[in-house]
Structures are given as structure tokens and as C-alpha cells.
Amino acid sequence: MIDVTDQAGEGLWDEKSHAKVIISVDNVNTHKPEWLPEPPPNEIIEIEEELEESDFVILKVSARDKDVGAENSKVGYGI
């Protein structure tokens, strides 16, 4: 229940006004992202400086988020 007054009841309103307020909270971010598969911890990858090959995969990662909705299930990566 919310009570509303004007200047602590000393102004234009002689009595308090009342209102019932219902607040609904939607849980939109329930799950945290998970790796598929879990990447190795603290992996060091060494690449030879003089390799002739210049286009190769070093490490592939994938993750998913089981939350519903485009924004809440989006996963981003940064290197």
C-alpha cells in the first residue's frame, strides 16, 4: 500500500490518498553461459615466429546460454 500526501499533509490535500501497487518481476537472466566443451585452463599456445603458413586455427571455443530471448541468450567473446 502506498500513501500519498502533499507537503506532509499540510498542503492542498486534507487527507492521504491510497493506492495498491502490484510489482511483477520477470526473471530474464537465469542461466550463466557454459562452454562447449570446457576450454583447458591456463593453456599456453606457442607459435613459431617464422612459420610459412599464415592462416590456421589455434583454438576453437563455443559457448551457449540457456536464457530465453535474443538479448538474454547472446554470448560474446573477447581476446
PDB file of N, CA and C in Angstrom:
ATOM      1  N   MET A   1       0.844  -1.168   0.000  1.00  0.00           N
ATOM      2  CA  MET A   1       0.000   0.000   0.000  1.00  0.00           C
ATOM      3  C   MET A   1       0.896   1.240   0.000  1.00  0.00           C
ATOM      4  N   ILE A   2       0.570   2.216  -0.809  1.00  0.00           N
ATOM      5  CA  ILE A   2       1.311   3.470  -0.890  1.00  0.00           C
ATOM      6  C   ILE A   2       0.417   4.596  -0.391  1.00  0.00           C
ATOM      7  N   ASP A   3       0.939   5.423   0.508  1.00  0.00           N
ATOM      8  CA  ASP A   3       0.227   6.610   0.977  1.00  0.00           C
ATOM      9  C   ASP A   3       0.849   7.832   0.328  1.00  0.00           C
ATOM     10  N   VAL A   4       0.013   8.748  -0.171  1.00  0.00           N
ATOM     11  CA  VAL A   4       0.498   9.959  -0.828  1.00  0.00           C
ATOM     12  C   VAL A   4      -0.061  11.173  -0.090  1.00  0.00           C
ATOM     13  N   THR A   5       0.801  12.123   0.246  1.00  0.00           N
ATOM     14  CA  THR A   5       0.367  13.374   0.880  1.00  0.00           C
ATOM     15  C   THR A   5       1.040  14.540   0.170  1.00  0.00           C
ATOM     16  N   ASP A   6       0.540  15.718   0.410  1.00  0.00           N
ATOM     17  CA  ASP A   6       1.118  16.939  -0.153  1.00  0.00           C
ATOM     18  C   ASP A   6       1.752  17.723   0.992  1.00  0.00           C
ATOM     19  N   GLN A   7       3.039  17.941   0.947  1.00  0.00           N
ATOM     20  CA  GLN A   7       3.782  18.671   1.974  1.00  0.00           C
ATOM     21  C   GLN A   7       3.481  18.116   3.365  1.00  0.00           C
ATOM     22  N   ALA A   8       3.654  16.831   3.493  1.00  0.00           N
ATOM     23  CA  ALA A   8       3.443  16.132   4.761  1.00  0.00           C
ATOM     24  C   ALA A   8       2.038  16.347   5.307  1.00  0.00           C
ATOM     25  N   GLY A   9       1.035  16.451   4.413  1.00  0.00           N
ATOM     26  CA  GLY A   9      -0.346  16.603   4.842  1.00  0.00           C
ATOM     27  C   GLY A   9      -0.739  18.036   5.165  1.00  0.00           C
ATOM     28  N   GLU A  10       0.144  19.007   4.963  1.00  0.00           N
ATOM     29  CA  GLU A  10      -0.126  20.396   5.333  1.00  0.00           C
ATOM     30  C   GLU A  10      -0.465  21.266   4.129  1.00  0.00           C
ATOM     31  N   GLY A  11      -0.619  20.668   2.961  1.00  0.00           N
ATOM     32  CA  GLY A  11      -0.833  21.476   1.763  1.00  0.00           C
ATOM     33  C   GLY A  11      -2.250  21.400   1.247  1.00  0.00           C
ATOM     34  N   LEU A  12      -2.382  21.169  -0.039  1.00  0.00           N
ATOM     35  CA  LEU A  12      -3.679  21.189  -0.712  1.00  0.00           C
ATOM     36  C   LEU A  12      -4.581  20.027  -0.316  1.00  0.00           C
ATOM     37  N   TRP A  13      -3.997  18.899   0.039  1.00  0.00           N
ATOM     38  CA  TRP A  13      -4.805  17.721   0.362  1.00  0.00           C
ATOM     39  C   TRP A  13      -5.025  17.657   1.865  1.00  0.00           C
ATOM     40  N   ASP A  14      -6.257  17.442   2.247  1.00  0.00           N
ATOM     41  CA  ASP A  14      -6.559  17.317   3.670  1.00  0.00           C
ATOM     42  C   ASP A  14      -6.300  15.909   4.183  1.00  0.00           C
ATOM     43  N   GLU A  15      -6.451  14.919   3.298  1.00  0.00           N
ATOM     44  CA  GLU A  15      -6.294  13.530   3.709  1.00  0.00           C
ATOM     45  C   GLU A  15      -5.315  12.817   2.777  1.00  0.00           C
ATOM     46  N   LYS A  16      -4.811  11.711   3.268  1.00  0.00           N
ATOM     47  CA  LYS A  16      -3.909  10.894   2.453  1.00  0.00           C
ATOM     48  C   LYS A  16      -4.691  10.219   1.339  1.00  0.00           C
ATOM     49  N   SER A  17      -4.056  10.017   0.213  1.00  0.00           N
ATOM     50  CA  SER A  17      -4.607   9.194  -0.861  1.00  0.00           C
ATOM     51  C   SER A  17      -3.904   7.848  -0.802  1.00  0.00           C
ATOM     52  N   HIS A  18      -4.612   6.794  -1.138  1.00  0.00           N
ATOM     53  CA  HIS A  18      -4.060   5.443  -1.062  1.00  0.00           C
ATOM     54  C   HIS A  18      -4.115   4.782  -2.429  1.00  0.00           C
ATOM     55  N   ALA A  19      -3.150   3.933  -2.688  1.00  0.00           N
ATOM     56  CA  ALA A  19      -3.153   3.157  -3.926  1.00  0.00           C
ATOM     57  C   ALA A  19      -2.508   1.803  -3.648  1.00  0.00           C
ATOM     58  N   LYS A  20      -3.037   0.791  -4.263  1.00  0.00           N
ATOM     59  CA  LYS A  20      -2.448  -0.543  -4.185  1.00  0.00           C
ATOM     60  C   LYS A  20      -1.576  -0.724  -5.415  1.00  0.00           C
ATOM     61  N   VAL A  21      -0.322  -1.101  -5.215  1.00  0.00           N
ATOM     62  CA  VAL A  21       0.627  -1.274  -6.317  1.00  0.00           C
ATOM     63  C   VAL A  21       1.092  -2.720  -6.329  1.00  0.00           C
ATOM     64  N   ILE A  22       0.989  -3.341  -7.475  1.00  0.00           N
ATOM     65  CA  ILE A  22       1.467  -4.712  -7.646  1.00  0.00           C
ATOM     66  C   ILE A  22       2.673  -4.667  -8.574  1.00  0.00           C
ATOM     67  N   ILE A  23       3.781  -5.216  -8.120  1.00  0.00           N
ATOM     68  CA  ILE A  23       5.012  -5.245  -8.912  1.00  0.00           C
ATOM     69  C   ILE A  23       5.316  -6.693  -9.258  1.00  0.00           C
ATOM     70  N   SER A  24       5.439  -6.963 -10.546  1.00  0.00           N
ATOM     71  CA  SER A  24       5.817  -8.296 -11.009  1.00  0.00           C
ATOM     72  C   SER A  24       7.228  -8.229 -11.572  1.00  0.00           C
ATOM     73  N   VAL A  25       8.064  -9.156 -11.168  1.00  0.00           N
ATOM     74  CA  VAL A  25       9.439  -9.208 -11.651  1.00  0.00           C
ATOM     75  C   VAL A  25       9.590 -10.457 -12.504  1.00  0.00           C
ATOM     76  N   ASP A  26       9.976 -10.262 -13.763  1.00  0.00           N
ATOM     77  CA  ASP A  26      10.249 -11.389 -14.653  1.00  0.00           C
ATOM     78  C   ASP A  26      11.727 -11.743 -14.556  1.00  0.00           C
ATOM     79  N   ASN A  27      12.007 -12.981 -14.310  1.00  0.00           N
ATOM     80  CA  ASN A  27      13.380 -13.440 -14.240  1.00  0.00           C
ATOM     81  C   ASN A  27      13.851 -13.719 -15.661  1.00  0.00           C
ATOM     82  N   VAL A  28      14.689 -12.846 -16.204  1.00  0.00           N
ATOM     83  CA  VAL A  28      15.095 -12.974 -17.602  1.00  0.00           C
ATOM     84  C   VAL A  28      16.531 -13.453 -17.770  1.00  0.00           C
ATOM     85  N   ASN A  29      17.293 -13.493 -16.704  1.00  0.00           N
ATOM     86  CA  ASN A  29      18.695 -13.896 -16.830  1.00  0.00           C
ATOM     87  C   ASN A  29      19.002 -14.947 -15.768  1.00  0.00           C
ATOM     88  N   THR A  30      18.499 -16.147 -15.998  1.00  0.00           N
ATOM     89  CA  THR A  30      18.593 -17.218 -15.022  1.00  0.00           C
ATOM     90  C   THR A  30      19.875 -18.030 -15.157  1.00  0.00           C
ATOM     91  N   HIS A  31      20.296 -18.257 -16.374  1.00  0.00           N
ATOM     92  CA  HIS A  31      21.428 -19.157 -16.622  1.00  0.00           C
ATOM     93  C   HIS A  31      22.676 -18.377 -17.010  1.00  0.00           C
ATOM     94  N   LYS A  32      23.820 -18.844 -16.540  1.00  0.00           N
ATOM     95  CA  LYS A  32      25.069 -18.247 -16.982  1.00  0.00           C
ATOM     96  C   LYS A  32      25.560 -19.018 -18.217  1.00  0.00           C
ATOM     97  N   PRO A  33      26.350 -18.380 -19.054  1.00  0.00           N
ATOM     98  CA  PRO A  33      26.872 -19.095 -20.234  1.00  0.00           C
ATOM     99  C   PRO A  33      27.715 -20.301 -19.822  1.00  0.00           C
ATOM    100  N   GLU A  34      27.700 -21.317 -20.659  1.00  0.00           N
ATOM    101  CA  GLU A  34      28.528 -22.502 -20.401  1.00  0.00           C
ATOM    102  C   GLU A  34      29.332 -22.838 -21.648  1.00  0.00           C
ATOM    103  N   TRP A  35      30.561 -23.266 -21.430  1.00  0.00           N
ATOM    104  CA  TRP A  35      31.459 -23.624 -22.535  1.00  0.00           C
ATOM    105  C   TRP A  35      31.115 -24.995 -23.065  1.00  0.00           C
ATOM    106  N   LEU A  36      31.277 -25.181 -24.382  1.00  0.00           N
ATOM    107  CA  LEU A  36      31.033 -26.464 -25.035  1.00  0.00           C
ATOM    108  C   LEU A  36      32.193 -26.816 -25.961  1.00  0.00           C
ATOM    109  N   PRO A  37      33.072 -27.696 -25.622  1.00  0.00           N
ATOM    110  CA  PRO A  37      33.354 -28.235 -24.292  1.00  0.00           C
ATOM    111  C   PRO A  37      34.118 -27.199 -23.465  1.00  0.00           C
ATOM    112  N   GLU A  38      34.331 -27.489 -22.211  1.00  0.00           N
ATOM    113  CA  GLU A  38      35.074 -26.599 -21.308  1.00  0.00           C
ATOM    114  C   GLU A  38      36.499 -26.426 -21.843  1.00  0.00           C
ATOM    115  N   PRO A  39      36.963 -25.181 -22.057  1.00  0.00           N
ATOM    116  CA  PRO A  39      38.327 -24.996 -22.562  1.00  0.00           C
ATOM    117  C   PRO A  39      39.354 -25.372 -21.499  1.00  0.00           C
ATOM    118  N   PRO A  40      40.534 -25.788 -21.928  1.00  0.00           N
ATOM    119  CA  PRO A  40      41.561 -26.158 -20.953  1.00  0.00           C
ATOM    120  C   PRO A  40      41.993 -24.919 -20.152  1.00  0.00           C
ATOM    121  N   PRO A  41      42.201 -25.062 -18.845  1.00  0.00           N
ATOM    122  CA  PRO A  41      42.588 -23.918 -18.019  1.00  0.00           C
ATOM    123  C   PRO A  41      44.048 -23.522 -18.249  1.00  0.00           C
ATOM    124  N   ASN A  42      44.302 -22.234 -18.326  1.00  0.00           N
ATOM    125  CA  ASN A  42      45.667 -21.692 -18.405  1.00  0.00           C
ATOM    126  C   ASN A  42      46.520 -22.340 -19.484  1.00  0.00           C
ATOM    127  N   GLU A  43      45.944 -22.561 -20.641  1.00  0.00           N
ATOM    128  CA  GLU A  43      46.679 -23.200 -21.724  1.00  0.00           C
ATOM    129  C   GLU A  43      47.615 -22.189 -22.385  1.00  0.00           C
ATOM    130  N   ILE A  44      48.837 -22.605 -22.607  1.00  0.00           N
ATOM    131  CA  ILE A  44      49.812 -21.775 -23.310  1.00  0.00           C
ATOM    132  C   ILE A  44      49.995 -22.360 -24.701  1.00  0.00           C
ATOM    133  N   ILE A  45      49.820 -21.525 -25.704  1.00  0.00           N
ATOM    134  CA  ILE A  45      49.968 -21.968 -27.083  1.00  0.00           C
ATOM    135  C   ILE A  45      51.141 -21.213 -27.691  1.00  0.00           C
ATOM    136  N   GLU A  46      52.136 -21.958 -28.128  1.00  0.00           N
ATOM    137  CA  GLU A  46      53.315 -21.333 -28.735  1.00  0.00           C
ATOM    138  C   GLU A  46      53.228 -21.461 -30.250  1.00  0.00           C
ATOM    139  N   ILE A  47      53.539 -20.366 -30.942  1.00  0.00           N
ATOM    140  CA  ILE A  47      53.526 -20.349 -32.399  1.00  0.00           C
ATOM    141  C   ILE A  47      54.910 -19.928 -32.871  1.00  0.00           C
ATOM    142  N   GLU A  48      55.458 -20.721 -33.772  1.00  0.00           N
ATOM    143  CA  GLU A  48      56.781 -20.389 -34.298  1.00  0.00           C
ATOM    144  C   GLU A  48      56.709 -19.089 -35.077  1.00  0.00           C
ATOM    145  N   GLU A  49      57.700 -18.261 -34.883  1.00  0.00           N
ATOM    146  CA  GLU A  49      57.707 -16.930 -35.489  1.00  0.00           C
ATOM    147  C   GLU A  49      57.837 -16.966 -37.006  1.00  0.00           C
ATOM    148  N   GLU A  50      58.580 -17.900 -37.525  1.00  0.00           N
ATOM    149  CA  GLU A  50      58.876 -17.930 -38.955  1.00  0.00           C
ATOM    150  C   GLU A  50      58.032 -18.940 -39.732  1.00  0.00           C
ATOM    151  N   LEU A  51      56.850 -19.230 -39.273  1.00  0.00           N
ATOM    152  CA  LEU A  51      56.008 -20.184 -39.984  1.00  0.00           C
ATOM    153  C   LEU A  51      55.619 -19.641 -41.353  1.00  0.00           C
ATOM    154  N   GLU A  52      55.663 -20.511 -42.366  1.00  0.00           N
ATOM    155  CA  GLU A  52      55.240 -20.110 -43.710  1.00  0.00           C
ATOM    156  C   GLU A  52      53.717 -20.067 -43.789  1.00  0.00           C
ATOM    157  N   GLU A  53      53.073 -20.898 -43.035  1.00  0.00           N
ATOM    158  CA  GLU A  53      51.620 -20.943 -43.014  1.00  0.00           C
ATOM    159  C   GLU A  53      51.095 -19.744 -42.206  1.00  0.00           C
ATOM    160  N   SER A  54      50.109 -19.026 -42.750  1.00  0.00           N
ATOM    161  CA  SER A  54      49.639 -17.832 -42.045  1.00  0.00           C
ATOM    162  C   SER A  54      48.159 -17.897 -41.668  1.00  0.00           C
ATOM    163  N   ASP A  55      47.438 -18.866 -42.167  1.00  0.00           N
ATOM    164  CA  ASP A  55      46.015 -18.948 -41.895  1.00  0.00           C
ATOM    165  C   ASP A  55      45.698 -20.311 -41.299  1.00  0.00           C
ATOM    166  N   PHE A  56      45.658 -20.390 -39.964  1.00  0.00           N
ATOM    167  CA  PHE A  56      45.374 -21.662 -39.312  1.00  0.00           C
ATOM    168  C   PHE A  56      44.629 -21.411 -38.004  1.00  0.00           C
ATOM    169  N   VAL A  57      43.947 -22.431 -37.532  1.00  0.00           N
ATOM    170  CA  VAL A  57      43.171 -22.342 -36.293  1.00  0.00           C
ATOM    171  C   VAL A  57      44.082 -22.669 -35.118  1.00  0.00           C
ATOM    172  N   ILE A  58      44.078 -21.790 -34.118  1.00  0.00           N
ATOM    173  CA  ILE A  58      44.870 -22.024 -32.907  1.00  0.00           C
ATOM    174  C   ILE A  58      44.017 -22.715 -31.852  1.00  0.00           C
ATOM    175  N   LEU A  59      42.833 -22.185 -31.628  1.00  0.00           N
ATOM    176  CA  LEU A  59      41.933 -22.748 -30.631  1.00  0.00           C
ATOM    177  C   LEU A  59      40.504 -22.364 -31.011  1.00  0.00           C
ATOM    178  N   LYS A  60      39.608 -23.310 -30.967  1.00  0.00           N
ATOM    179  CA  LYS A  60      38.203 -23.053 -31.264  1.00  0.00           C
ATOM    180  C   LYS A  60      37.424 -23.119 -29.957  1.00  0.00           C
ATOM    181  N   VAL A  61      36.569 -22.116 -29.700  1.00  0.00           N
ATOM    182  CA  VAL A  61      35.743 -22.131 -28.497  1.00  0.00           C
ATOM    183  C   VAL A  61      34.280 -21.964 -28.887  1.00  0.00           C
ATOM    184  N   SER A  62      33.404 -22.490 -28.041  1.00  0.00           N
ATOM    185  CA  SER A  62      31.981 -22.353 -28.257  1.00  0.00           C
ATOM    186  C   SER A  62      31.307 -22.289 -26.894  1.00  0.00           C
ATOM    187  N   ALA A  63      30.256 -21.479 -26.799  1.00  0.00           N
ATOM    188  CA  ALA A  63      29.504 -21.373 -25.546  1.00  0.00           C
ATOM    189  C   ALA A  63      28.037 -21.182 -25.876  1.00  0.00           C
ATOM    190  N   ARG A  64      27.185 -21.463 -24.895  1.00  0.00           N
ATOM    191  CA  ARG A  64      25.752 -21.237 -25.067  1.00  0.00           C
ATOM    192  C   ARG A  64      25.182 -20.700 -23.757  1.00  0.00           C
ATOM    193  N   ASP A  65      24.047 -20.045 -23.873  1.00  0.00           N
ATOM    194  CA  ASP A  65      23.326 -19.532 -22.714  1.00  0.00           C
ATOM    195  C   ASP A  65      21.881 -19.978 -22.864  1.00  0.00           C
ATOM    196  N   LYS A  66      21.345 -20.666 -21.875  1.00  0.00           N
ATOM    197  CA  LYS A  66      20.005 -21.255 -21.957  1.00  0.00           C
ATOM    198  C   LYS A  66      18.891 -20.254 -21.655  1.00  0.00           C
ATOM    199  N   ASP A  67      19.214 -18.976 -21.414  1.00  0.00           N
ATOM    200  CA  ASP A  67      18.171 -17.986 -21.161  1.00  0.00           C
ATOM    201  C   ASP A  67      17.312 -17.792 -22.404  1.00  0.00           C
ATOM    202  N   VAL A  68      16.083 -17.370 -22.196  1.00  0.00           N
ATOM    203  CA  VAL A  68      15.129 -17.167 -23.279  1.00  0.00           C
ATOM    204  C   VAL A  68      15.221 -15.735 -23.783  1.00  0.00           C
ATOM    205  N   GLY A  69      15.127 -15.552 -25.091  1.00  0.00           N
ATOM    206  CA  GLY A  69      15.149 -14.223 -25.696  1.00  0.00           C
ATOM    207  C   GLY A  69      16.482 -13.928 -26.347  1.00  0.00           C
ATOM    208  N   ALA A  70      16.437 -13.140 -27.398  1.00  0.00           N
ATOM    209  CA  ALA A  70      17.642 -12.855 -28.183  1.00  0.00           C
ATOM    210  C   ALA A  70      18.726 -12.177 -27.358  1.00  0.00           C
ATOM    211  N   GLU A  71      18.377 -11.174 -26.568  1.00  0.00           N
ATOM    212  CA  GLU A  71      19.380 -10.438 -25.792  1.00  0.00           C
ATOM    213  C   GLU A  71      19.916 -11.251 -24.621  1.00  0.00           C
ATOM    214  N   ASN A  72      19.067 -12.000 -23.935  1.00  0.00           N
ATOM    215  CA  ASN A  72      19.492 -12.723 -22.744  1.00  0.00           C
ATOM    216  C   ASN A  72      20.259 -13.998 -23.045  1.00  0.00           C
ATOM    217  N   SER A  73      20.152 -14.508 -24.258  1.00  0.00           N
ATOM    218  CA  SER A  73      20.873 -15.731 -24.603  1.00  0.00           C
ATOM    219  C   SER A  73      22.104 -15.450 -25.459  1.00  0.00           C
ATOM    220  N   LYS A  74      22.391 -14.166 -25.689  1.00  0.00           N
ATOM    221  CA  LYS A  74      23.536 -13.794 -26.515  1.00  0.00           C
ATOM    222  C   LYS A  74      24.844 -14.036 -25.755  1.00  0.00           C
ATOM    223  N   VAL A  75      25.821 -14.616 -26.424  1.00  0.00           N
ATOM    224  CA  VAL A  75      27.140 -14.881 -25.841  1.00  0.00           C
ATOM    225  C   VAL A  75      28.169 -14.124 -26.659  1.00  0.00           C
ATOM    226  N   GLY A  76      29.081 -13.426 -25.989  1.00  0.00           N
ATOM    227  CA  GLY A  76      30.147 -12.693 -26.684  1.00  0.00           C
ATOM    228  C   GLY A  76      31.511 -13.191 -26.253  1.00  0.00           C
ATOM    229  N   TYR A  77      32.482 -12.992 -27.103  1.00  0.00           N
ATOM    230  CA  TYR A  77      33.858 -13.426 -26.831  1.00  0.00           C
ATOM    231  C   TYR A  77      34.796 -12.239 -26.975  1.00  0.00           C
ATOM    232  N   GLY A  78      35.841 -12.218 -26.203  1.00  0.00           N
ATOM    233  CA  GLY A  78      36.875 -11.188 -26.336  1.00  0.00           C
ATOM    234  C   GLY A  78      38.244 -11.798 -26.132  1.00  0.00           C
ATOM    235  N   ILE A  79      39.185 -11.353 -26.928  1.00  0.00           N
ATOM    236  CA  ILE A  79      40.553 -11.874 -26.814  1.00  0.00           C
ATOM    237  C   ILE A  79      41.478 -10.706 -26.587  1.00  0.00           C
TER     238      ILE A  79
END
